[in-house]
């Protein structure tokens, strides 16, 4: 298994809106497509939304991301998710102990 640590800096004043969007629209599409979300956190002081999602392997990431962006649910959101983001960091992480 491999995971992505995703750190999003949310535009000022938009955290509550992003959390609703994530919970109501983004998370359900991930679940439907079999992309587990391992956890979500906020760093309110830095206006960061931090989350981890997992994949079976590195090779699985591209296909799952393609399916995500091609889904009717994600297409319906348009640029709404991106309009909340000032910055996005994605780091590939693997378990330290297997």
PDB file of N, CA and C in Angstrom:
ATOM      1  N   UNK A   1       0.840  -1.179   0.000  1.00  0.00           N
ATOM      2  CA  UNK A   1       0.000   0.000   0.000  1.00  0.00           C
ATOM      3  C   UNK A   1       0.884   1.241   0.000  1.00  0.00           C
ATOM      4  N   UNK A   2       0.370   2.278  -0.651  1.00  0.00           N
ATOM      5  CA  UNK A   2       1.037   3.566  -0.695  1.00  0.00           C
ATOM      6  C   UNK A   2      -0.025   4.635  -0.442  1.00  0.00           C
ATOM      7  N   UNK A   3       0.379   5.727   0.166  1.00  0.00           N
ATOM      8  CA  UNK A   3      -0.580   6.781   0.498  1.00  0.00           C
ATOM      9  C   UNK A   3      -0.073   8.127   0.024  1.00  0.00           C
ATOM     10  N   UNK A   4      -0.990   9.051  -0.052  1.00  0.00           N
ATOM     11  CA  UNK A   4      -0.660  10.435  -0.335  1.00  0.00           C
ATOM     12  C   UNK A   4      -1.022  11.266   0.886  1.00  0.00           C
ATOM     13  N   UNK A   5      -0.050  12.017   1.359  1.00  0.00           N
ATOM     14  CA  UNK A   5      -0.290  13.031   2.373  1.00  0.00           C
ATOM     15  C   UNK A   5      -0.567  14.307   1.595  1.00  0.00           C
ATOM     16  N   UNK A   6      -1.762  14.835   1.741  1.00  0.00           N
ATOM     17  CA  UNK A   6      -2.177  16.003   0.970  1.00  0.00           C
ATOM     18  C   UNK A   6      -2.398  17.167   1.943  1.00  0.00           C
ATOM     19  N   UNK A   7      -1.684  18.266   1.709  1.00  0.00           N
ATOM     20  CA  UNK A   7      -1.775  19.447   2.563  1.00  0.00           C
ATOM     21  C   UNK A   7      -2.274  20.597   1.697  1.00  0.00           C
ATOM     22  N   UNK A   8      -3.478  21.048   1.995  1.00  0.00           N
ATOM     23  CA  UNK A   8      -4.094  22.134   1.240  1.00  0.00           C
ATOM     24  C   UNK A   8      -4.143  23.380   2.116  1.00  0.00           C
ATOM     25  N   UNK A   9      -3.610  24.479   1.619  1.00  0.00           N
ATOM     26  CA  UNK A   9      -3.789  25.762   2.280  1.00  0.00           C
ATOM     27  C   UNK A   9      -5.077  26.353   1.713  1.00  0.00           C
ATOM     28  N   UNK A  10      -6.032  26.555   2.601  1.00  0.00           N
ATOM     29  CA  UNK A  10      -7.359  27.020   2.216  1.00  0.00           C
ATOM     30  C   UNK A  10      -7.384  28.551   2.262  1.00  0.00           C
ATOM     31  N   UNK A  11      -8.003  29.140   1.262  1.00  0.00           N
ATOM     32  CA  UNK A  11      -8.136  30.604   1.229  1.00  0.00           C
ATOM     33  C   UNK A  11      -8.811  31.100   2.514  1.00  0.00           C
ATOM     34  N   UNK A  12      -8.368  32.260   2.966  1.00  0.00           N
ATOM     35  CA  UNK A  12      -8.894  32.836   4.210  1.00  0.00           C
ATOM     36  C   UNK A  12     -10.415  32.930   4.174  1.00  0.00           C
ATOM     37  N   UNK A  13     -11.012  32.492   5.278  1.00  0.00           N
ATOM     38  CA  UNK A  13     -12.455  32.566   5.431  1.00  0.00           C
ATOM     39  C   UNK A  13     -13.238  31.470   4.719  1.00  0.00           C
ATOM     40  N   UNK A  14     -12.540  30.518   4.086  1.00  0.00           N
ATOM     41  CA  UNK A  14     -13.226  29.493   3.309  1.00  0.00           C
ATOM     42  C   UNK A  14     -13.147  28.092   3.917  1.00  0.00           C
ATOM     43  N   UNK A  15     -12.569  27.955   5.104  1.00  0.00           N
ATOM     44  CA  UNK A  15     -12.388  26.622   5.684  1.00  0.00           C
ATOM     45  C   UNK A  15     -13.728  25.923   5.908  1.00  0.00           C
ATOM     46  N   UNK A  16     -14.682  26.583   6.508  1.00  0.00           N
ATOM     47  CA  UNK A  16     -15.979  25.945   6.769  1.00  0.00           C
ATOM     48  C   UNK A  16     -16.628  25.488   5.473  1.00  0.00           C
ATOM     49  N   UNK A  17     -16.562  26.306   4.459  1.00  0.00           N
ATOM     50  CA  UNK A  17     -17.130  25.961   3.157  1.00  0.00           C
ATOM     51  C   UNK A  17     -16.399  24.755   2.556  1.00  0.00           C
ATOM     52  N   UNK A  18     -15.065  24.738   2.681  1.00  0.00           N
ATOM     53  CA  UNK A  18     -14.310  23.616   2.136  1.00  0.00           C
ATOM     54  C   UNK A  18     -14.619  22.318   2.890  1.00  0.00           C
ATOM     55  N   UNK A  19     -14.728  22.392   4.185  1.00  0.00           N
ATOM     56  CA  UNK A  19     -15.034  21.197   4.971  1.00  0.00           C
ATOM     57  C   UNK A  19     -16.393  20.612   4.571  1.00  0.00           C
ATOM     58  N   UNK A  20     -17.374  21.466   4.343  1.00  0.00           N
ATOM     59  CA  UNK A  20     -18.685  20.990   3.862  1.00  0.00           C
ATOM     60  C   UNK A  20     -18.553  20.351   2.489  1.00  0.00           C
ATOM     61  N   UNK A  21     -17.845  21.018   1.595  1.00  0.00           N
ATOM     62  CA  UNK A  21     -17.637  20.506   0.242  1.00  0.00           C
ATOM     63  C   UNK A  21     -16.938  19.151   0.285  1.00  0.00           C
ATOM     64  N   UNK A  22     -15.921  19.037   1.097  1.00  0.00           N
ATOM     65  CA  UNK A  22     -15.178  17.780   1.202  1.00  0.00           C
ATOM     66  C   UNK A  22     -16.094  16.665   1.721  1.00  0.00           C
ATOM     67  N   UNK A  23     -16.806  16.954   2.793  1.00  0.00           N
ATOM     68  CA  UNK A  23     -17.645  15.935   3.427  1.00  0.00           C
ATOM     69  C   UNK A  23     -18.840  15.533   2.557  1.00  0.00           C
ATOM     70  N   UNK A  24     -19.440  16.485   1.895  1.00  0.00           N
ATOM     71  CA  UNK A  24     -20.661  16.217   1.128  1.00  0.00           C
ATOM     72  C   UNK A  24     -20.408  15.768  -0.309  1.00  0.00           C
ATOM     73  N   UNK A  25     -19.281  16.178  -0.896  1.00  0.00           N
ATOM     74  CA  UNK A  25     -19.066  15.907  -2.313  1.00  0.00           C
ATOM     75  C   UNK A  25     -17.774  15.154  -2.638  1.00  0.00           C
ATOM     76  N   UNK A  26     -16.676  15.531  -2.038  1.00  0.00           N
ATOM     77  CA  UNK A  26     -15.382  14.930  -2.391  1.00  0.00           C
ATOM     78  C   UNK A  26     -15.216  13.559  -1.758  1.00  0.00           C
ATOM     79  N   UNK A  27     -15.457  13.453  -0.470  1.00  0.00           N
ATOM     80  CA  UNK A  27     -15.317  12.162   0.225  1.00  0.00           C
ATOM     81  C   UNK A  27     -16.203  11.071  -0.396  1.00  0.00           C
ATOM     82  N   UNK A  28     -17.497  11.347  -0.667  1.00  0.00           N
ATOM     83  CA  UNK A  28     -18.344  10.287  -1.231  1.00  0.00           C
ATOM     84  C   UNK A  28     -17.844   9.737  -2.574  1.00  0.00           C
ATOM     85  N   UNK A  29     -17.275  10.580  -3.411  1.00  0.00           N
ATOM     86  CA  UNK A  29     -16.757  10.097  -4.694  1.00  0.00           C
ATOM     87  C   UNK A  29     -15.554   9.186  -4.457  1.00  0.00           C
ATOM     88  N   UNK A  30     -14.690   9.564  -3.530  1.00  0.00           N
ATOM     89  CA  UNK A  30     -13.556   8.709  -3.189  1.00  0.00           C
ATOM     90  C   UNK A  30     -14.039   7.342  -2.706  1.00  0.00           C
ATOM     91  N   UNK A  31     -15.014   7.351  -1.822  1.00  0.00           N
ATOM     92  CA  UNK A  31     -15.539   6.090  -1.287  1.00  0.00           C
ATOM     93  C   UNK A  31     -16.152   5.235  -2.393  1.00  0.00           C
ATOM     94  N   UNK A  32     -16.901   5.866  -3.280  1.00  0.00           N
ATOM     95  CA  UNK A  32     -17.539   5.154  -4.384  1.00  0.00           C
ATOM     96  C   UNK A  32     -16.499   4.485  -5.289  1.00  0.00           C
ATOM     97  N   UNK A  33     -15.361   5.151  -5.484  1.00  0.00           N
ATOM     98  CA  UNK A  33     -14.331   4.650  -6.389  1.00  0.00           C
ATOM     99  C   UNK A  33     -13.301   3.760  -5.695  1.00  0.00           C
ATOM    100  N   UNK A  34     -13.484   3.506  -4.410  1.00  0.00           N
ATOM    101  CA  UNK A  34     -12.558   2.626  -3.697  1.00  0.00           C
ATOM    102  C   UNK A  34     -11.215   3.265  -3.392  1.00  0.00           C
ATOM    103  N   UNK A  35     -11.238   4.565  -3.119  1.00  0.00           N
ATOM    104  CA  UNK A  35     -10.019   5.277  -2.702  1.00  0.00           C
ATOM    105  C   UNK A  35     -10.201   5.623  -1.224  1.00  0.00           C
ATOM    106  N   UNK A  36      -9.634   4.810  -0.342  1.00  0.00           N
ATOM    107  CA  UNK A  36      -9.832   5.059   1.093  1.00  0.00           C
ATOM    108  C   UNK A  36      -9.205   6.371   1.561  1.00  0.00           C
ATOM    109  N   UNK A  37      -9.967   7.109   2.346  1.00  0.00           N
ATOM    110  CA  UNK A  37      -9.450   8.292   3.021  1.00  0.00           C
ATOM    111  C   UNK A  37      -9.153   7.865   4.450  1.00  0.00           C
ATOM    112  N   UNK A  38      -7.876   7.868   4.784  1.00  0.00           N
ATOM    113  CA  UNK A  38      -7.414   7.340   6.076  1.00  0.00           C
ATOM    114  C   UNK A  38      -7.670   8.302   7.230  1.00  0.00           C
ATOM    115  N   UNK A  39      -7.695   9.591   6.935  1.00  0.00           N
ATOM    116  CA  UNK A  39      -7.937  10.563   7.993  1.00  0.00           C
ATOM    117  C   UNK A  39      -7.906  11.969   7.442  1.00  0.00           C
ATOM    118  N   UNK A  40      -8.514  12.882   8.187  1.00  0.00           N
ATOM    119  CA  UNK A  40      -8.536  14.302   7.825  1.00  0.00           C
ATOM    120  C   UNK A  40      -8.254  15.119   9.076  1.00  0.00           C
ATOM    121  N   UNK A  41      -7.537  16.225   8.890  1.00  0.00           N
ATOM    122  CA  UNK A  41      -7.181  17.108   9.998  1.00  0.00           C
ATOM    123  C   UNK A  41      -7.207  18.545   9.523  1.00  0.00           C
ATOM    124  N   UNK A  42      -7.322  19.464  10.457  1.00  0.00           N
ATOM    125  CA  UNK A  42      -7.181  20.883  10.135  1.00  0.00           C
ATOM    126  C   UNK A  42      -6.125  21.493  11.040  1.00  0.00           C
ATOM    127  N   UNK A  43      -5.377  22.415  10.486  1.00  0.00           N
ATOM    128  CA  UNK A  43      -4.465  23.267  11.232  1.00  0.00           C
ATOM    129  C   UNK A  43      -5.027  24.670  11.041  1.00  0.00           C
ATOM    130  N   UNK A  44      -5.917  25.060  11.938  1.00  0.00           N
ATOM    131  CA  UNK A  44      -6.637  26.322  11.786  1.00  0.00           C
ATOM    132  C   UNK A  44      -5.688  27.523  11.785  1.00  0.00           C
ATOM    133  N   UNK A  45      -4.633  27.447  12.578  1.00  0.00           N
ATOM    134  CA  UNK A  45      -3.683  28.557  12.660  1.00  0.00           C
ATOM    135  C   UNK A  45      -3.066  28.870  11.299  1.00  0.00           C
ATOM    136  N   UNK A  46      -2.839  27.827  10.501  1.00  0.00           N
ATOM    137  CA  UNK A  46      -2.215  28.006   9.178  1.00  0.00           C
ATOM    138  C   UNK A  46      -3.221  27.851   8.040  1.00  0.00           C
ATOM    139  N   UNK A  47      -4.498  27.715   8.386  1.00  0.00           N
ATOM    140  CA  UNK A  47      -5.571  27.533   7.395  1.00  0.00           C
ATOM    141  C   UNK A  47      -5.272  26.353   6.470  1.00  0.00           C
ATOM    142  N   UNK A  48      -4.871  25.232   7.096  1.00  0.00           N
ATOM    143  CA  UNK A  48      -4.530  24.032   6.326  1.00  0.00           C
ATOM    144  C   UNK A  48      -5.543  22.914   6.564  1.00  0.00           C
ATOM    145  N   UNK A  49      -5.882  22.251   5.483  1.00  0.00           N
ATOM    146  CA  UNK A  49      -6.669  21.023   5.529  1.00  0.00           C
ATOM    147  C   UNK A  49      -5.720  19.920   5.116  1.00  0.00           C
ATOM    148  N   UNK A  50      -5.559  18.919   5.977  1.00  0.00           N
ATOM    149  CA  UNK A  50      -4.586  17.854   5.768  1.00  0.00           C
ATOM    150  C   UNK A  50      -5.330  16.540   5.723  1.00  0.00           C
ATOM    151  N   UNK A  51      -5.018  15.735   4.710  1.00  0.00           N
ATOM    152  CA  UNK A  51      -5.698  14.451   4.614  1.00  0.00           C
ATOM    153  C   UNK A  51      -4.784  13.426   3.978  1.00  0.00           C
ATOM    154  N   UNK A  52      -5.121  12.167   4.221  1.00  0.00           N
ATOM    155  CA  UNK A  52      -4.351  11.047   3.681  1.00  0.00           C
ATOM    156  C   UNK A  52      -5.317  10.125   2.959  1.00  0.00           C
ATOM    157  N   UNK A  53      -4.963   9.797   1.727  1.00  0.00           N
ATOM    158  CA  UNK A  53      -5.729   8.801   0.975  1.00  0.00           C
ATOM    159  C   UNK A  53      -4.769   7.721   0.502  1.00  0.00           C
ATOM    160  N   UNK A  54      -5.282   6.504   0.345  1.00  0.00           N
ATOM    161  CA  UNK A  54      -4.414   5.353   0.073  1.00  0.00           C
ATOM    162  C   UNK A  54      -4.783   4.646  -1.226  1.00  0.00           C
ATOM    163  N   UNK A  55      -3.791   3.933  -1.742  1.00  0.00           N
ATOM    164  CA  UNK A  55      -3.913   3.165  -2.971  1.00  0.00           C
ATOM    165  C   UNK A  55      -3.208   1.833  -2.791  1.00  0.00           C
ATOM    166  N   UNK A  56      -3.594   0.871  -3.592  1.00  0.00           N
ATOM    167  CA  UNK A  56      -2.973  -0.457  -3.509  1.00  0.00           C
ATOM    168  C   UNK A  56      -1.494  -0.399  -3.863  1.00  0.00           C
ATOM    169  N   UNK A  57      -1.141   0.427  -4.846  1.00  0.00           N
ATOM    170  CA  UNK A  57       0.252   0.552  -5.284  1.00  0.00           C
ATOM    171  C   UNK A  57       0.432   1.888  -5.985  1.00  0.00           C
ATOM    172  N   UNK A  58       1.671   2.244  -6.262  1.00  0.00           N
ATOM    173  CA  UNK A  58       1.966   3.472  -6.997  1.00  0.00           C
ATOM    174  C   UNK A  58       1.302   3.419  -8.369  1.00  0.00           C
ATOM    175  N   UNK A  59       1.321   2.237  -8.988  1.00  0.00           N
ATOM    176  CA  UNK A  59       0.717   2.075 -10.309  1.00  0.00           C
ATOM    177  C   UNK A  59      -0.785   2.316 -10.296  1.00  0.00           C
ATOM    178  N   UNK A  60      -1.420   2.149  -9.161  1.00  0.00           N
ATOM    179  CA  UNK A  60      -2.869   2.309  -9.013  1.00  0.00           C
ATOM    180  C   UNK A  60      -3.295   3.782  -8.984  1.00  0.00           C
ATOM    181  N   UNK A  61      -2.380   4.676  -8.645  1.00  0.00           N
ATOM    182  CA  UNK A  61      -2.730   6.090  -8.442  1.00  0.00           C
ATOM    183  C   UNK A  61      -3.282   6.725  -9.710  1.00  0.00           C
ATOM    184  N   UNK A  62      -2.584   6.592 -10.822  1.00  0.00           N
ATOM    185  CA  UNK A  62      -3.007   7.264 -12.054  1.00  0.00           C
ATOM    186  C   UNK A  62      -4.404   6.817 -12.489  1.00  0.00           C
ATOM    187  N   UNK A  63      -4.666   5.523 -12.454  1.00  0.00           N
ATOM    188  CA  UNK A  63      -5.972   5.009 -12.887  1.00  0.00           C
ATOM    189  C   UNK A  63      -7.090   5.493 -11.961  1.00  0.00           C
ATOM    190  N   UNK A  64      -6.836   5.479 -10.655  1.00  0.00           N
ATOM    191  CA  UNK A  64      -7.856   5.918  -9.693  1.00  0.00           C
ATOM    192  C   UNK A  64      -8.113   7.426  -9.812  1.00  0.00           C
ATOM    193  N   UNK A  65      -7.033   8.204 -10.010  1.00  0.00           N
ATOM    194  CA  UNK A  65      -7.214   9.647 -10.169  1.00  0.00           C
ATOM    195  C   UNK A  65      -7.958   9.963 -11.466  1.00  0.00           C
ATOM    196  N   UNK A  66      -7.662   9.230 -12.527  1.00  0.00           N
ATOM    197  CA  UNK A  66      -8.371   9.427 -13.794  1.00  0.00           C
ATOM    198  C   UNK A  66      -9.862   9.136 -13.618  1.00  0.00           C
ATOM    199  N   UNK A  67     -10.171   8.042 -12.922  1.00  0.00           N
ATOM    200  CA  UNK A  67     -11.578   7.697 -12.668  1.00  0.00           C
ATOM    201  C   UNK A  67     -12.254   8.765 -11.816  1.00  0.00           C
ATOM    202  N   UNK A  68     -11.539   9.304 -10.848  1.00  0.00           N
ATOM    203  CA  UNK A  68     -12.085  10.346  -9.982  1.00  0.00           C
ATOM    204  C   UNK A  68     -12.452  11.583 -10.799  1.00  0.00           C
ATOM    205  N   UNK A  69     -11.513  12.086 -11.584  1.00  0.00           N
ATOM    206  CA  UNK A  69     -11.767  13.310 -12.346  1.00  0.00           C
ATOM    207  C   UNK A  69     -12.765  13.094 -13.488  1.00  0.00           C
ATOM    208  N   UNK A  70     -12.906  11.860 -13.954  1.00  0.00           N
ATOM    209  CA  UNK A  70     -13.869  11.552 -15.016  1.00  0.00           C
ATOM    210  C   UNK A  70     -15.275  11.279 -14.483  1.00  0.00           C
ATOM    211  N   UNK A  71     -15.415  11.129 -13.165  1.00  0.00           N
ATOM    212  CA  UNK A  71     -16.722  10.802 -12.591  1.00  0.00           C
ATOM    213  C   UNK A  71     -17.693  11.969 -12.772  1.00  0.00           C
ATOM    214  N   UNK A  72     -18.951  11.664 -13.003  1.00  0.00           N
ATOM    215  CA  UNK A  72     -19.946  12.735 -13.161  1.00  0.00           C
ATOM    216  C   UNK A  72     -20.042  13.629 -11.919  1.00  0.00           C
ATOM    217  N   UNK A  73     -19.866  13.028 -10.750  1.00  0.00           N
ATOM    218  CA  UNK A  73     -19.952  13.796  -9.503  1.00  0.00           C
ATOM    219  C   UNK A  73     -18.836  14.843  -9.429  1.00  0.00           C
ATOM    220  N   UNK A  74     -17.619  14.439  -9.797  1.00  0.00           N
ATOM    221  CA  UNK A  74     -16.496  15.385  -9.749  1.00  0.00           C
ATOM    222  C   UNK A  74     -16.618  16.424 -10.850  1.00  0.00           C
ATOM    223  N   UNK A  75     -17.030  15.993 -12.028  1.00  0.00           N
ATOM    224  CA  UNK A  75     -17.212  16.950 -13.122  1.00  0.00           C
ATOM    225  C   UNK A  75     -18.249  18.015 -12.760  1.00  0.00           C
ATOM    226  N   UNK A  76     -19.284  17.616 -12.042  1.00  0.00           N
ATOM    227  CA  UNK A  76     -20.333  18.556 -11.646  1.00  0.00           C
ATOM    228  C   UNK A  76     -19.813  19.651 -10.718  1.00  0.00           C
ATOM    229  N   UNK A  77     -18.713  19.381 -10.016  1.00  0.00           N
ATOM    230  CA  UNK A  77     -18.150  20.375  -9.097  1.00  0.00           C
ATOM    231  C   UNK A  77     -17.367  21.457  -9.827  1.00  0.00           C
ATOM    232  N   UNK A  78     -16.955  21.184 -11.055  1.00  0.00           N
ATOM    233  CA  UNK A  78     -16.179  22.168 -11.808  1.00  0.00           C
ATOM    234  C   UNK A  78     -14.950  22.607 -11.034  1.00  0.00           C
ATOM    235  N   UNK A  79     -14.746  23.922 -10.955  1.00  0.00           N
ATOM    236  CA  UNK A  79     -13.579  24.462 -10.250  1.00  0.00           C
ATOM    237  C   UNK A  79     -13.879  24.813  -8.796  1.00  0.00           C
ATOM    238  N   UNK A  80     -15.024  24.376  -8.291  1.00  0.00           N
ATOM    239  CA  UNK A  80     -15.382  24.711  -6.911  1.00  0.00           C
ATOM    240  C   UNK A  80     -14.311  24.283  -5.910  1.00  0.00           C
ATOM    241  N   UNK A  81     -13.792  23.038  -5.977  1.00  0.00           N
ATOM    242  CA  UNK A  81     -12.735  22.685  -5.024  1.00  0.00           C
ATOM    243  C   UNK A  81     -11.503  23.584  -5.162  1.00  0.00           C
ATOM    244  N   UNK A  82     -11.061  23.813  -6.377  1.00  0.00           N
ATOM    245  CA  UNK A  82      -9.870  24.628  -6.602  1.00  0.00           C
ATOM    246  C   UNK A  82     -10.034  26.074  -6.171  1.00  0.00           C
ATOM    247  N   UNK A  83     -11.254  26.577  -6.218  1.00  0.00           N
ATOM    248  CA  UNK A  83     -11.485  27.968  -5.827  1.00  0.00           C
ATOM    249  C   UNK A  83     -11.256  28.197  -4.337  1.00  0.00           C
ATOM    250  N   UNK A  84     -11.201  27.112  -3.572  1.00  0.00           N
ATOM    251  CA  UNK A  84     -10.952  27.209  -2.136  1.00  0.00           C
ATOM    252  C   UNK A  84      -9.454  27.176  -1.795  1.00  0.00           C
ATOM    253  N   UNK A  85      -8.632  26.764  -2.748  1.00  0.00           N
ATOM    254  CA  UNK A  85      -7.232  26.462  -2.450  1.00  0.00           C
ATOM    255  C   UNK A  85      -6.272  27.576  -2.831  1.00  0.00           C
ATOM    256  N   UNK A  86      -5.426  27.951  -1.876  1.00  0.00           N
ATOM    257  CA  UNK A  86      -4.339  28.880  -2.136  1.00  0.00           C
ATOM    258  C   UNK A  86      -3.077  28.111  -2.535  1.00  0.00           C
ATOM    259  N   UNK A  87      -2.949  26.888  -2.000  1.00  0.00           N
ATOM    260  CA  UNK A  87      -1.742  26.087  -2.238  1.00  0.00           C
ATOM    261  C   UNK A  87      -2.086  24.628  -1.985  1.00  0.00           C
ATOM    262  N   UNK A  88      -1.423  23.734  -2.728  1.00  0.00           N
ATOM    263  CA  UNK A  88      -1.637  22.305  -2.537  1.00  0.00           C
ATOM    264  C   UNK A  88      -0.286  21.596  -2.582  1.00  0.00           C
ATOM    265  N   UNK A  89      -0.032  20.781  -1.573  1.00  0.00           N
ATOM    266  CA  UNK A  89       1.166  19.927  -1.535  1.00  0.00           C
ATOM    267  C   UNK A  89       0.714  18.473  -1.467  1.00  0.00           C
ATOM    268  N   UNK A  90       1.350  17.620  -2.267  1.00  0.00           N
ATOM    269  CA  UNK A  90       1.046  16.195  -2.243  1.00  0.00           C
ATOM    270  C   UNK A  90       2.364  15.451  -2.078  1.00  0.00           C
ATOM    271  N   UNK A  91       2.422  14.622  -1.043  1.00  0.00           N
ATOM    272  CA  UNK A  91       3.631  13.834  -0.762  1.00  0.00           C
ATOM    273  C   UNK A  91       3.272  12.366  -0.750  1.00  0.00           C
ATOM    274  N   UNK A  92       4.049  11.572  -1.452  1.00  0.00           N
ATOM    275  CA  UNK A  92       3.864  10.140  -1.472  1.00  0.00           C
ATOM    276  C   UNK A  92       4.510   9.545  -0.222  1.00  0.00           C
ATOM    277  N   UNK A  93       3.762   8.758   0.537  1.00  0.00           N
ATOM    278  CA  UNK A  93       4.296   8.156   1.765  1.00  0.00           C
ATOM    279  C   UNK A  93       3.983   6.670   1.776  1.00  0.00           C
ATOM    280  N   UNK A  94       4.833   5.917   2.439  1.00  0.00           N
ATOM    281  CA  UNK A  94       4.660   4.474   2.559  1.00  0.00           C
ATOM    282  C   UNK A  94       4.785   4.093   4.032  1.00  0.00           C
ATOM    283  N   UNK A  95       4.163   2.981   4.423  1.00  0.00           N
ATOM    284  CA  UNK A  95       4.278   2.556   5.819  1.00  0.00           C
ATOM    285  C   UNK A  95       5.738   2.312   6.208  1.00  0.00           C
ATOM    286  N   UNK A  96       6.114   2.733   7.391  1.00  0.00           N
ATOM    287  CA  UNK A  96       7.462   2.501   7.887  1.00  0.00           C
ATOM    288  C   UNK A  96       7.633   1.029   8.296  1.00  0.00           C
ATOM    289  N   UNK A  97       6.578   0.440   8.798  1.00  0.00           N
ATOM    290  CA  UNK A  97       6.621  -0.953   9.259  1.00  0.00           C
ATOM    291  C   UNK A  97       5.509  -1.716   8.544  1.00  0.00           C
ATOM    292  N   UNK A  98       5.865  -2.885   8.052  1.00  0.00           N
ATOM    293  CA  UNK A  98       4.862  -3.666   7.312  1.00  0.00           C
ATOM    294  C   UNK A  98       4.491  -4.915   8.057  1.00  0.00           C
TER     295      UNK A  98
END
